Structures are given as C-alpha cells and as structure tokens.
Amino acid sequence: MTIKDLKPALVFGIFDQITKVPRPSKKEEKIRQFLLDFAAEHNIAVKTDAIGNVLMSKPATPGCEQAPVVILQSHMDMVCESNDKSFDFENSPIATEVDGEWLQAKGTTLGADNGIGMAASLAVMVDDTLVHGPVQALFTVDEETGLTGANNLGPDMIGGNILLNLDSEDDAEIFIGCAGGVDTTATFNYKRSVAPTDYHYFKFDVSKGLGGHSGGDIHLGRANANKIVARFLFNLSRKHEISLCEIDGGNLRNAIPRAAHAVFGVHTSRKEDIVVEFNHYVADIKNEFSGIEPTLELDLASVDRPDFAVDSDTTHNLIYALYCAPHGVISMSRDLEGLVETSTNLASVKMIADGKILVTTSQRSSVESRKWDIADQVEAVFALAGAEVTHGDGYPGWQPNMNSRIMKIASDAYRDLYGVTPAVKAIHAGLECGLFLSKYPGLDMVSFGPTLQGVHSPSERMHIPAVERFWGQLCEILRKVSTLKD
C-alpha cells in the first residue's frame, strides 16, 4: 500500500503533491508557487501579501451566503530533519511510506506539520460536494523559525471572525489556547590557540536521540544531546585539563536536539582514564534514559590532532554555562491539569565564523511574566559566563475563551460524527493564533488536527484513520457554520 491508496483520497492526494515540493522555513518560494499554480488551475481567487503569505477565497454554497466567513489556516514551511546529513531539503521530495495505520517518511521529517493542514484547506477549496458559507484559506510562511508570516500578516488580508487553525497534533482534541515564546541567544567570543602536541584527542558523539517538538514533547523527558555533551565535558574538566577544539549540537530552536558532538584533547598520560570514565558515563546515561531513549547512542573515538583549540577561559566558561543552563519543564499549569506552563529548550550550539560560538535557546510559557522570567534566568547563566546575550521579539500566547462559539461547534461536530466528545485543551507549543488575535481581536478560534507523533524529527508519522476523522470534523464544522447568520 502507498499514499495513493489512502482515504480520504482527495486529502491524501493533495498531501502527496505537497510532499514533492521543497519547503524549508524561510525558503518557501517553491511551495508558494505551487499554491498559486493550484489556485490558477482550479479558478480559485487568490492574493498574497508583502511577506509572502497566500490567501485563497471560495464563495458560499448557494443559499449559505449569509453565513459567517470561516478562515482555514495552516503554514507552508516544514521542519527539515534527516538521518542522512546529505539529504537536500531544498531540492529533494519527501519519500513517504505506509507502515500499518501510519504514514511516515523514509529517514526524514514527514512534513505533516503542517502539510496535512494545507492539504485539507486545499481539498475544501476544490470539493464542490461540501456545504459551507464563504471560506478563506490562509497559508502563512516561516511558522517554524520565527512566526514571521503571522507576525507580518498584511492589513485586510483576511475577512472573517472565525478561524480554524489546522496545526494541532491530536485526534479527538480541540485546542483553545497556546503558550507564548521567546528565543534567547548567547554568543561566546573565543581566541584560537595551538592544539597541544602532547595531548591525545577524542571525538565524543551523541546520536540517534528521539528529539521531538520542544513544546509538545518537552514533558516526555527525552534526552537533550547538548546537555549530555556538556555534562560529560564538565565531569572531565574537574579532573583533567581539557583542550576543547570543536563543539556542535542541535539545529532548530523548536526541536529537542537529537545529536551533538565535541572534539577535545587531554594529556596523553590521561588517555586511558578518559576511556574508563566514558564507559561509566555511558552506563549512567543508559540507565537514566532506560525506556525513554531506546536508540540513543554515545560514542568515543580517537581523532587526529585538530588545527586549533578554543582558548582555556572560553572553554571553561562555555562548558560550565551549558552544564548549568536550564532545560526542560520548569512548571506545570495550575489551571489545566497536565498542561506544561513554562519550559526552556537548550536548542543548539554552533561554532560560527569570526571566532564565535552561538548558543540558541527557546523559552515558552502560557503566562507572559513567566515566559520572560525563564528567559531572564537563561540570560543570567550565560551573562555570568561572559557571553553576549540577546532576546528575540517573542510572540504572545493565546488565552483560552471557554465561551467560544466555534469551540462548541467543533466539539459538537466531532461528537455527532464519532460518538465521542473531544477533550478541550490548551497546548504548550506555540501556535500562530496568538499573533492573529493581537491583530484581529474579534477572532473566534480553535485549533485541531489528526494525530501526529515524532514531530520535528525523522520519526515523524501521521495516523491514517485520524486523518479521515479530521477531514470529517472539518467538513461538519463548515456545514454547521453555514446554517448561522453572520
């Protein structure tokens, strides 16, 4: 069985087309052109704004013209993570495969986040069997690495008061709130020194962690590869003189880092000690993450003497800062049981040009003051270590509205179709809804979608039966809204 055999055929057929179009964040030119070509092929009214967002419009089913306008919203870009570092996300299609009830990609992220939302929106645009009022489909750019599409949405781009965000990841759940977030970066300036000739050099490598979404998966306690590297180096630095030559880990601010490595040297007389300590460390990590990280690998290998080393002061400050920098769940919500309130992700460590090491972190909270509190704590850690620290602009959270009309309609639609009342929740991940609400305060919004697992990692997969329920719920919501008067 392949994706072409899956139901609903219209939705999966469009999703299959989307997987063939490269769409990394900030490089959405090809998927934008796909959308414009799709609109032209099907005679759909379409417009764009200065930032590159695309809006399609479809008139109401005859007799439903007085119904409120419903905006279907999804984002164009996808997180690009691969088990094969040579995979070219800018030019290569995603290869999909069916595994039982799940659709996944072959060694890469699937891009169901948010390709399935795009596919459902486009299916609504072309399915003439549906009953609905006026419908708009908004496709935003750069959700994954900055929310710049939502943040710069053109004036008068959308024209309704009901918005369905199709970017959630759990069947039978409706989301009416989300966390706000802010990125914090720390820059270390280092000097190059000569790598000592009487040292033995190792590469410590952490790989094959599960990773995952730094909002939706942060409560699962998965390994952060950057923290594992930092802890090992910290433990060694208390016993040995270390010459740090290279460090690299993680890629995206909103993904828990699955892999990281460091190249370092110790005096040749300490070579065997390092191997013994590494073996003890591996045993500790395997024990700590038993049942959580089944594929996690730690490796220590001898390497040739590098061309240079990082100066000793920066090495000390960087290792200590990475080791003590907070990561993971900071607090849980007192209002919604099981909801993470505040968290932080030590996302990436990169040696960049001009003698700089850039550390990127991402903070989230459903409480605005707590968001900035944890961001300031991260700043304090790295500032004490001598780094230059900056914060991004951040984005607002979306405060739940328990009196939402569209929430009740969405809940009733699922219950009427499937005999189950969906759970109403808030999500710790960031959604674009907070930004939309800041620009259009009158919006009534919900977010929902099919079940996705392993989002933002190569283990991403989508539950096929849940897609059919997602599509059915979306169509029923549109039908119910078509009976209302604007």
Protein backbone atom coordinates (compact mmCIF):
# COMPACT_ATOMS: atom_id res chain seq x y z
CA MET A 1 0.00 0.00 0.00
CA THR A 2 1.17 3.53 -0.79
CA ILE A 3 -0.10 7.02 -0.04
CA LYS A 4 -2.14 6.90 -3.27
CA ASP A 5 -4.31 4.15 -1.75
CA LEU A 6 -5.28 6.06 1.39
CA LYS A 7 -8.63 7.60 2.27
CA PRO A 8 -9.85 10.31 2.11
CA ALA A 9 -8.38 10.17 -1.37
CA LEU A 10 -8.73 13.89 -2.11
CA VAL A 11 -6.85 14.95 1.04
CA PHE A 12 -4.09 12.37 0.74
CA GLY A 13 -3.75 13.04 -2.98
CA ILE A 14 -3.08 16.72 -2.34
CA PHE A 15 -0.79 15.90 0.58
CA ASP A 16 1.20 13.64 -1.75
CA GLN A 17 1.66 16.58 -4.12
CA ILE A 18 2.81 18.78 -1.23
CA THR A 19 5.47 16.25 -0.14
CA LYS A 20 7.07 16.61 -3.57
CA VAL A 21 7.58 20.37 -3.15
CA PRO A 22 10.59 21.51 -1.08
CA ARG A 23 9.55 23.93 1.66
CA PRO A 24 12.17 24.63 4.32
CA SER A 25 11.45 27.54 6.62
CA LYS A 26 12.38 30.90 5.06
CA LYS A 27 12.67 29.17 1.67
CA GLU A 28 9.02 28.81 0.75
CA GLU A 29 9.28 30.09 -2.83
CA LYS A 30 8.52 26.70 -4.39
CA ILE A 31 5.55 25.86 -2.18
CA ARG A 32 4.17 29.37 -2.64
CA GLN A 33 4.34 28.92 -6.41
CA PHE A 34 2.64 25.53 -6.02
CA LEU A 35 -0.23 27.24 -4.20
CA LEU A 36 -0.54 29.97 -6.82
CA ASP A 37 -0.50 27.38 -9.62
CA PHE A 38 -3.10 25.30 -7.76
CA ALA A 39 -5.37 28.34 -7.48
CA ALA A 40 -4.95 29.16 -11.17
CA GLU A 41 -5.66 25.57 -12.21
CA HIS A 42 -8.90 25.46 -10.22
CA ASN A 43 -10.01 29.05 -10.84
CA ILE A 44 -9.73 29.99 -7.16
CA ALA A 45 -9.44 33.66 -6.19
CA VAL A 46 -6.02 34.22 -4.63
CA LYS A 47 -3.85 37.04 -3.29
CA THR A 48 -0.55 37.42 -1.46
CA ASP A 49 0.91 39.98 0.91
CA ALA A 50 4.37 41.54 1.14
CA ILE A 51 5.79 38.86 3.45
CA GLY A 52 4.67 36.02 1.16
CA ASN A 53 1.50 34.71 2.82
CA VAL A 54 -1.14 33.36 0.44
CA LEU A 55 -4.92 33.68 0.80
CA MET A 56 -7.46 31.79 -1.30
CA SER A 57 -11.20 32.53 -1.24
CA LYS A 58 -14.18 30.37 -2.16
CA PRO A 59 -17.76 31.65 -2.32
CA ALA A 60 -20.52 30.09 -0.25
CA THR A 61 -22.62 27.19 -1.34
CA PRO A 62 -25.80 28.66 -2.92
CA GLY A 63 -28.22 29.51 -0.13
CA CYS A 64 -25.46 29.90 2.50
CA GLU A 65 -24.22 33.34 1.51
CA GLN A 66 -25.28 34.95 4.81
CA ALA A 67 -23.18 32.59 6.93
CA PRO A 68 -20.05 33.89 8.69
CA VAL A 69 -16.76 33.70 6.80
CA VAL A 70 -14.58 30.82 8.01
CA ILE A 71 -10.80 31.12 7.68
CA LEU A 72 -8.88 27.86 7.36
CA GLN A 73 -5.29 28.47 8.42
CA SER A 74 -2.12 26.42 8.01
CA HIS A 75 1.56 27.15 7.44
CA MET A 76 3.67 26.39 4.37
CA ASP A 77 7.04 25.55 5.89
CA MET A 78 8.24 22.33 7.50
CA VAL A 79 10.98 21.35 9.92
CA CYS A 80 13.83 19.72 7.98
CA GLU A 81 15.47 16.92 9.96
CA SER A 82 17.08 13.83 8.42
CA ASN A 83 19.04 10.77 9.48
CA ASP A 84 21.08 11.33 6.32
CA LYS A 85 23.01 14.59 6.66
CA SER A 86 23.41 14.77 2.88
CA PHE A 87 19.65 14.90 2.24
CA ASP A 88 18.87 18.07 0.27
CA PHE A 89 15.63 19.53 1.64
CA GLU A 90 15.85 22.48 -0.74
CA ASN A 91 15.59 20.33 -3.85
CA SER A 92 14.54 16.79 -2.95
CA PRO A 93 10.99 15.47 -2.46
CA ILE A 94 9.98 13.68 0.73
CA ALA A 95 9.69 9.92 0.19
CA THR A 96 6.67 8.52 2.04
CA GLU A 97 5.79 5.00 3.10
CA VAL A 98 2.83 3.33 4.79
CA ASP A 99 3.51 1.31 7.93
CA GLY A 100 0.25 -0.27 9.07
CA GLU A 101 -2.04 2.56 10.18
CA TRP A 102 0.73 5.15 9.96
CA LEU A 103 2.18 7.27 7.17
CA GLN A 104 5.83 8.23 7.59
CA ALA A 105 8.83 9.38 5.60
CA LYS A 106 11.94 7.40 4.74
CA GLY A 107 14.55 8.81 7.11
CA THR A 108 13.33 12.43 7.20
CA THR A 109 10.63 14.51 8.76
CA LEU A 110 7.32 13.83 7.02
CA GLY A 111 6.14 17.43 6.91
CA ALA A 112 2.63 16.55 8.03
CA ASP A 113 3.30 19.50 10.32
CA ASN A 114 1.68 21.39 8.65
CA GLY A 115 1.32 19.80 5.23
CA ILE A 116 -1.82 17.94 6.26
CA GLY A 117 -3.44 21.24 7.25
CA MET A 118 -2.54 22.68 3.86
CA ALA A 119 -3.93 19.60 2.11
CA ALA A 120 -7.23 19.79 4.00
CA SER A 121 -7.59 23.51 3.20
CA LEU A 122 -6.94 22.92 -0.49
CA ALA A 123 -9.35 19.99 -0.51
CA VAL A 124 -12.08 22.29 0.81
CA MET A 125 -11.25 24.76 -1.95
CA VAL A 126 -11.89 22.20 -4.70
CA ASP A 127 -14.54 19.88 -3.23
CA ASP A 128 -17.89 21.03 -4.66
CA THR A 129 -19.84 18.42 -2.67
CA LEU A 130 -19.35 20.33 0.59
CA VAL A 131 -21.94 22.66 2.13
CA HIS A 132 -20.38 25.80 3.58
CA GLY A 133 -20.57 29.55 3.87
CA PRO A 134 -17.84 31.82 2.50
CA VAL A 135 -14.44 30.20 3.08
CA GLN A 136 -10.92 31.58 3.04
CA ALA A 137 -7.73 29.53 3.21
CA LEU A 138 -4.71 31.32 4.67
CA PHE A 139 -1.23 29.81 4.17
CA THR A 140 1.49 31.52 6.19
CA VAL A 141 5.27 31.46 5.81
CA ASP A 142 8.02 30.74 8.31
CA GLU A 143 5.95 29.44 11.21
CA GLU A 144 8.66 27.10 12.41
CA THR A 145 11.57 29.51 12.75
CA GLY A 146 10.05 32.83 13.69
CA LEU A 147 6.29 33.09 13.02
CA THR A 148 7.18 35.88 10.61
CA GLY A 149 4.23 35.17 8.33
CA ALA A 150 1.66 35.57 11.10
CA ASN A 151 3.57 38.43 12.68
CA ASN A 152 3.62 40.37 9.39
CA LEU A 153 0.21 39.41 8.05
CA GLY A 154 -0.86 42.05 5.56
CA PRO A 155 -3.58 44.52 6.54
CA ASP A 156 -7.06 43.40 5.49
CA MET A 157 -5.59 40.09 4.32
CA ILE A 158 -8.35 38.05 5.99
CA GLY A 159 -12.01 38.93 6.19
CA GLY A 160 -13.78 36.78 8.76
CA ASN A 161 -14.25 36.36 12.51
CA ILE A 162 -13.96 32.56 12.71
CA LEU A 163 -10.55 30.96 12.29
CA LEU A 164 -9.81 27.23 12.23
CA ASN A 165 -6.11 26.62 12.82
CA LEU A 166 -5.34 23.20 11.32
CA ASP A 167 -1.98 22.79 13.05
CA SER A 168 -2.65 20.58 16.09
CA GLU A 169 -1.47 17.02 16.50
CA ASP A 170 -4.04 15.03 18.49
CA ASP A 171 -7.23 13.38 17.28
CA ALA A 172 -10.33 13.96 19.42
CA GLU A 173 -8.83 17.07 20.99
CA ILE A 174 -9.68 20.73 20.42
CA PHE A 175 -7.24 23.41 21.45
CA ILE A 176 -8.38 26.85 22.55
CA GLY A 177 -5.10 28.26 23.91
CA CYS A 178 -1.34 28.05 23.45
CA ALA A 179 1.91 29.16 25.01
CA GLY A 180 3.80 32.27 24.07
CA GLY A 181 7.50 32.05 23.41
CA VAL A 182 10.79 33.89 23.06
CA ASP A 183 14.23 32.88 21.84
CA THR A 184 17.38 33.73 23.77
CA THR A 185 20.82 33.53 22.17
CA ALA A 186 24.23 33.68 23.80
CA THR A 187 27.40 34.45 21.84
CA PHE A 188 30.82 33.47 23.15
CA ASN A 189 33.86 35.13 21.56
CA TYR A 190 36.88 32.86 21.67
CA LYS A 191 40.51 33.04 20.67
CA ARG A 192 42.24 30.33 18.71
CA SER A 193 45.19 28.66 20.38
CA VAL A 194 47.50 25.92 19.24
CA ALA A 195 46.20 22.44 19.97
CA PRO A 196 48.85 20.93 22.30
CA THR A 197 51.13 18.39 20.66
CA ASP A 198 51.40 16.25 23.79
CA TYR A 199 47.63 15.71 24.01
CA HIS A 200 45.50 12.82 22.81
CA TYR A 201 42.31 13.87 21.00
CA PHE A 202 38.85 12.33 21.11
CA LYS A 203 35.53 12.90 19.44
CA PHE A 204 32.61 12.40 21.82
CA ASP A 205 29.46 11.82 19.79
CA VAL A 206 25.82 11.63 20.88
CA SER A 207 23.41 10.45 18.21
CA LYS A 208 20.05 8.85 17.43
CA GLY A 209 18.11 10.53 20.20
CA LEU A 210 14.37 10.77 19.70
CA GLY A 211 14.37 14.56 19.83
CA GLY A 212 10.93 15.91 19.09
CA HIS A 213 8.98 19.14 19.40
CA SER A 214 10.35 21.41 22.10
CA GLY A 215 6.81 22.37 23.11
CA GLY A 216 4.63 19.33 22.56
CA ASP A 217 7.25 16.76 23.63
CA ILE A 218 9.16 18.64 26.33
CA HIS A 219 7.29 16.88 29.15
CA LEU A 220 8.37 13.43 27.95
CA GLY A 221 11.82 13.76 29.48
CA ARG A 222 13.72 12.88 26.33
CA ALA A 223 17.47 13.31 26.16
CA ASN A 224 18.93 16.65 25.11
CA ALA A 225 22.14 15.80 23.24
CA ASN A 226 23.68 19.19 24.07
CA LYS A 227 23.18 18.60 27.77
CA ILE A 228 24.71 15.12 27.54
CA VAL A 229 27.81 16.51 25.85
CA ALA A 230 28.09 19.38 28.33
CA ARG A 231 27.73 17.08 31.33
CA PHE A 232 30.48 14.76 30.11
CA LEU A 233 32.85 17.66 29.44
CA PHE A 234 32.03 19.21 32.81
CA ASN A 235 32.78 15.97 34.65
CA LEU A 236 36.09 15.59 32.81
CA SER A 237 37.09 19.22 33.31
CA ARG A 238 37.01 18.82 37.09
CA LYS A 239 39.68 16.11 36.91
CA HIS A 240 41.69 16.90 33.78
CA GLU A 241 42.97 19.80 31.75
CA ILE A 242 40.80 19.82 28.64
CA SER A 243 41.59 21.35 25.27
CA LEU A 244 38.24 21.93 23.50
CA CYS A 245 38.63 22.06 19.73
CA GLU A 246 35.12 21.67 18.34
CA ILE A 247 31.55 21.57 19.60
CA ASP A 248 28.30 21.28 17.69
CA GLY A 249 24.78 20.18 18.58
CA GLY A 250 21.16 20.60 17.59
CA ASN A 251 19.77 22.57 14.67
CA LEU A 252 16.40 24.20 15.31
CA ARG A 253 15.20 26.32 18.21
CA ASN A 254 11.92 24.39 18.40
CA ALA A 255 13.38 20.88 18.27
CA ILE A 256 14.89 18.97 21.18
CA PRO A 257 18.44 18.24 19.93
CA ARG A 258 18.86 14.61 18.90
CA ALA A 259 22.58 14.74 18.17
CA ALA A 260 25.69 16.63 19.30
CA HIS A 261 29.43 16.15 19.42
CA ALA A 262 32.61 17.63 20.81
CA VAL A 263 36.27 17.20 19.87
CA PHE A 264 38.62 17.63 22.81
CA GLY A 265 42.08 16.67 23.98
CA VAL A 266 43.70 15.60 27.25
CA HIS A 267 47.31 14.93 28.11
CA THR A 268 48.45 11.63 26.64
CA SER A 269 49.03 10.28 30.16
CA ARG A 270 45.27 10.58 30.81
CA LYS A 271 44.09 8.76 27.69
CA GLU A 272 43.11 5.52 29.42
CA ASP A 273 41.43 7.41 32.27
CA ILE A 274 39.13 9.12 29.78
CA VAL A 275 38.09 5.81 28.24
CA VAL A 276 37.24 4.39 31.67
CA GLU A 277 35.25 7.48 32.64
CA PHE A 278 33.42 7.39 29.31
CA ASN A 279 32.32 3.80 29.91
CA HIS A 280 30.98 4.72 33.35
CA TYR A 281 29.20 7.73 31.87
CA VAL A 282 27.55 5.64 29.16
CA ALA A 283 26.24 3.26 31.81
CA ASP A 284 24.77 6.16 33.78
CA ILE A 285 23.08 7.73 30.75
CA LYS A 286 21.67 4.42 29.52
CA ASN A 287 20.25 3.78 32.99
CA GLU A 288 18.76 7.27 33.31
CA PHE A 289 17.05 7.12 29.93
CA SER A 290 16.06 3.46 30.02
CA GLY A 291 12.62 3.07 28.47
CA ILE A 292 12.70 6.64 27.13
CA GLU A 293 15.53 6.66 24.58
CA PRO A 294 15.78 3.17 23.05
CA THR A 295 18.02 4.19 20.14
CA LEU A 296 20.31 6.73 21.85
CA GLU A 297 23.99 6.14 21.14
CA LEU A 298 27.12 7.55 22.78
CA ASP A 299 30.49 7.02 21.16
CA LEU A 300 34.08 8.00 21.94
CA ALA A 301 36.71 7.70 19.21
CA SER A 302 40.31 8.86 18.83
CA VAL A 303 40.88 11.52 16.18
CA ASP A 304 43.84 13.33 14.68
CA ARG A 305 45.15 16.47 16.35
CA PRO A 306 42.95 19.38 15.21
CA ASP A 307 44.28 22.57 13.66
CA PHE A 308 43.43 24.71 16.69
CA ALA A 309 41.80 24.77 20.11
CA VAL A 310 39.47 27.19 21.87
CA ASP A 311 41.23 29.29 24.49
CA SER A 312 41.09 27.89 28.01
CA ASP A 313 38.96 30.65 29.57
CA THR A 314 36.21 30.35 26.96
CA THR A 315 36.36 26.56 27.18
CA HIS A 316 35.80 26.71 30.94
CA ASN A 317 33.01 29.30 30.72
CA LEU A 318 31.20 27.58 27.86
CA ILE A 319 31.25 24.12 29.45
CA TYR A 320 30.05 25.41 32.82
CA ALA A 321 27.31 27.53 31.25
CA LEU A 322 25.98 24.71 29.06
CA TYR A 323 26.03 22.34 32.01
CA CYS A 324 24.06 24.60 34.36
CA ALA A 325 21.74 26.16 31.75
CA PRO A 326 18.16 25.08 32.45
CA HIS A 327 16.40 22.72 30.08
CA GLY A 328 13.01 21.05 30.16
CA VAL A 329 9.81 21.63 32.13
CA ILE A 330 10.07 24.49 34.61
CA SER A 331 6.49 24.48 35.94
CA MET A 332 3.08 22.93 35.30
CA SER A 333 -0.20 24.80 34.89
CA ARG A 334 -2.40 25.18 37.95
CA ASP A 335 -5.45 25.85 35.75
CA LEU A 336 -5.38 22.95 33.27
CA GLU A 337 -4.30 19.56 34.60
CA GLY A 338 -1.40 18.01 32.71
CA LEU A 339 -0.50 21.19 30.81
CA VAL A 340 3.09 22.37 30.90
CA GLU A 341 3.04 26.04 31.89
CA THR A 342 6.69 27.02 31.40
CA SER A 343 9.67 25.33 29.75
CA THR A 344 13.00 26.01 28.10
CA ASN A 345 14.95 24.20 25.39
CA LEU A 346 18.76 24.32 25.06
CA ALA A 347 18.35 24.03 21.33
CA SER A 348 21.69 24.40 19.55
CA VAL A 349 25.39 25.07 19.98
CA LYS A 350 27.26 26.18 16.86
CA MET A 351 30.80 27.35 16.13
CA ILE A 352 30.37 30.08 13.54
CA ALA A 353 32.69 32.43 11.70
CA ASP A 354 34.94 35.06 13.28
CA GLY A 355 35.74 33.12 16.43
CA LYS A 356 32.22 32.90 17.82
CA ILE A 357 30.19 30.12 19.43
CA LEU A 358 26.42 30.69 19.24
CA VAL A 359 24.09 29.06 21.75
CA THR A 360 20.37 29.19 20.92
CA THR A 361 17.61 28.54 23.44
CA SER A 362 13.83 28.75 23.28
CA GLN A 363 11.51 29.59 26.17
CA ARG A 364 7.75 29.00 26.32
CA SER A 365 5.00 29.80 28.81
CA SER A 366 1.26 30.29 28.89
CA VAL A 367 1.91 33.04 31.47
CA GLU A 368 3.58 36.06 29.89
CA SER A 369 5.52 37.06 33.02
CA ARG A 370 6.84 33.52 33.49
CA LYS A 371 7.98 33.42 29.87
CA TRP A 372 10.21 36.40 30.47
CA ASP A 373 11.27 35.12 33.87
CA ILE A 374 12.75 31.91 32.44
CA ALA A 375 14.28 33.86 29.53
CA ASP A 376 15.95 36.14 32.05
CA GLN A 377 17.24 33.14 34.02
CA VAL A 378 18.83 31.80 30.85
CA GLU A 379 20.31 35.24 30.20
CA ALA A 380 21.77 35.35 33.70
CA VAL A 381 23.51 31.98 33.29
CA PHE A 382 25.24 32.92 30.06
CA ALA A 383 25.95 36.52 31.05
CA LEU A 384 27.79 35.27 34.13
CA ALA A 385 29.85 33.10 31.78
CA GLY A 386 30.88 36.17 29.79
CA ALA A 387 28.63 35.68 26.77
CA GLU A 388 26.75 38.40 24.91
CA VAL A 389 23.04 37.64 25.38
CA THR A 390 20.10 38.83 23.30
CA HIS A 391 16.38 38.04 23.25
CA GLY A 392 14.14 37.82 20.21
CA ASP A 393 10.89 39.76 19.95
CA GLY A 394 8.91 36.74 21.07
CA TYR A 395 5.29 36.01 20.34
CA PRO A 396 2.18 36.17 22.52
CA GLY A 397 0.23 33.28 23.91
CA TRP A 398 -3.43 32.63 23.18
CA GLN A 399 -5.61 32.85 26.27
CA PRO A 400 -8.44 30.28 26.33
CA ASN A 401 -12.00 31.50 25.82
CA MET A 402 -14.34 28.99 27.44
CA ASN A 403 -17.35 30.83 25.94
CA SER A 404 -16.17 30.39 22.35
CA ARG A 405 -18.97 29.65 19.90
CA ILE A 406 -16.72 27.89 17.41
CA MET A 407 -15.33 25.71 20.21
CA LYS A 408 -18.83 24.37 20.89
CA ILE A 409 -19.50 23.87 17.17
CA ALA A 410 -16.21 21.98 16.70
CA SER A 411 -16.91 19.82 19.74
CA ASP A 412 -20.46 19.05 18.63
CA ALA A 413 -19.26 18.20 15.12
CA TYR A 414 -16.84 15.55 16.38
CA ARG A 415 -19.35 14.11 18.86
CA ASP A 416 -22.15 13.94 16.29
CA LEU A 417 -19.93 12.12 13.80
CA TYR A 418 -17.98 9.75 16.04
CA GLY A 419 -19.92 9.47 19.32
CA VAL A 420 -17.06 10.88 21.38
CA THR A 421 -16.89 14.29 22.99
CA PRO A 422 -13.42 15.66 22.24
CA ALA A 423 -11.24 16.98 25.02
CA VAL A 424 -10.88 20.76 25.12
CA LYS A 425 -7.31 21.77 25.93
CA ALA A 426 -4.56 24.33 25.66
CA ILE A 427 -1.22 23.37 24.10
CA HIS A 428 2.29 24.17 25.28
CA ALA A 429 3.51 24.54 21.71
CA GLY A 430 3.36 27.92 20.04
CA LEU A 431 0.61 28.49 17.51
CA GLU A 432 0.08 31.44 15.22
CA CYS A 433 -3.29 32.10 16.85
CA GLY A 434 -1.88 34.45 19.47
CA LEU A 435 -0.48 36.71 16.78
CA PHE A 436 -3.71 36.61 14.76
CA LEU A 437 -5.66 37.57 17.87
CA SER A 438 -3.36 40.54 18.52
CA LYS A 439 -4.08 41.83 15.01
CA TYR A 440 -7.77 40.83 14.84
CA PRO A 441 -9.07 40.93 18.44
CA GLY A 442 -12.55 39.79 17.41
CA LEU A 443 -11.44 36.39 16.11
CA ASP A 444 -13.12 33.28 17.50
CA MET A 445 -10.63 30.42 17.06
CA VAL A 446 -9.96 26.75 17.63
CA SER A 447 -7.08 24.52 16.60
CA PHE A 448 -7.39 20.83 15.74
CA GLY A 449 -5.80 18.18 13.56
CA PRO A 450 -5.08 14.46 13.16
CA THR A 451 -2.73 12.51 15.39
CA LEU A 452 0.95 13.16 14.62
CA GLN A 453 3.86 11.61 16.50
CA GLY A 454 7.58 12.39 16.49
CA VAL A 455 7.01 15.85 15.05
CA HIS A 456 10.19 17.79 14.20
CA SER A 457 12.22 14.57 13.97
CA PRO A 458 12.80 11.85 11.35
CA SER A 459 10.46 9.61 13.33
CA GLU A 460 7.50 11.89 12.50
CA ARG A 461 4.44 9.90 11.48
CA MET A 462 0.72 10.51 10.92
CA HIS A 463 -2.15 8.25 11.95
CA ILE A 464 -4.10 7.45 8.80
CA PRO A 465 -7.54 6.77 10.37
CA ALA A 466 -7.25 10.04 12.31
CA VAL A 467 -6.89 11.96 9.05
CA GLU A 468 -10.28 10.69 7.92
CA ARG A 469 -11.85 11.80 11.21
CA PHE A 470 -10.08 15.17 10.95
CA TRP A 471 -11.46 15.68 7.46
CA GLY A 472 -14.96 14.64 8.54
CA GLN A 473 -14.88 17.02 11.50
CA LEU A 474 -13.69 19.91 9.32
CA CYS A 475 -16.46 19.34 6.78
CA GLU A 476 -19.10 19.07 9.52
CA ILE A 477 -17.90 22.29 11.18
CA LEU A 478 -18.26 24.09 7.86
CA ARG A 479 -21.75 22.64 7.39
CA LYS A 480 -22.85 23.70 10.88
CA VAL A 481 -21.47 27.23 10.45
CA SER A 482 -23.28 27.53 7.09
CA THR A 483 -26.60 27.50 8.98
CA LEU A 484 -25.64 30.56 11.03
CA LYS A 485 -26.20 34.19 10.16
CA ASP A 486 -23.18 36.49 10.11
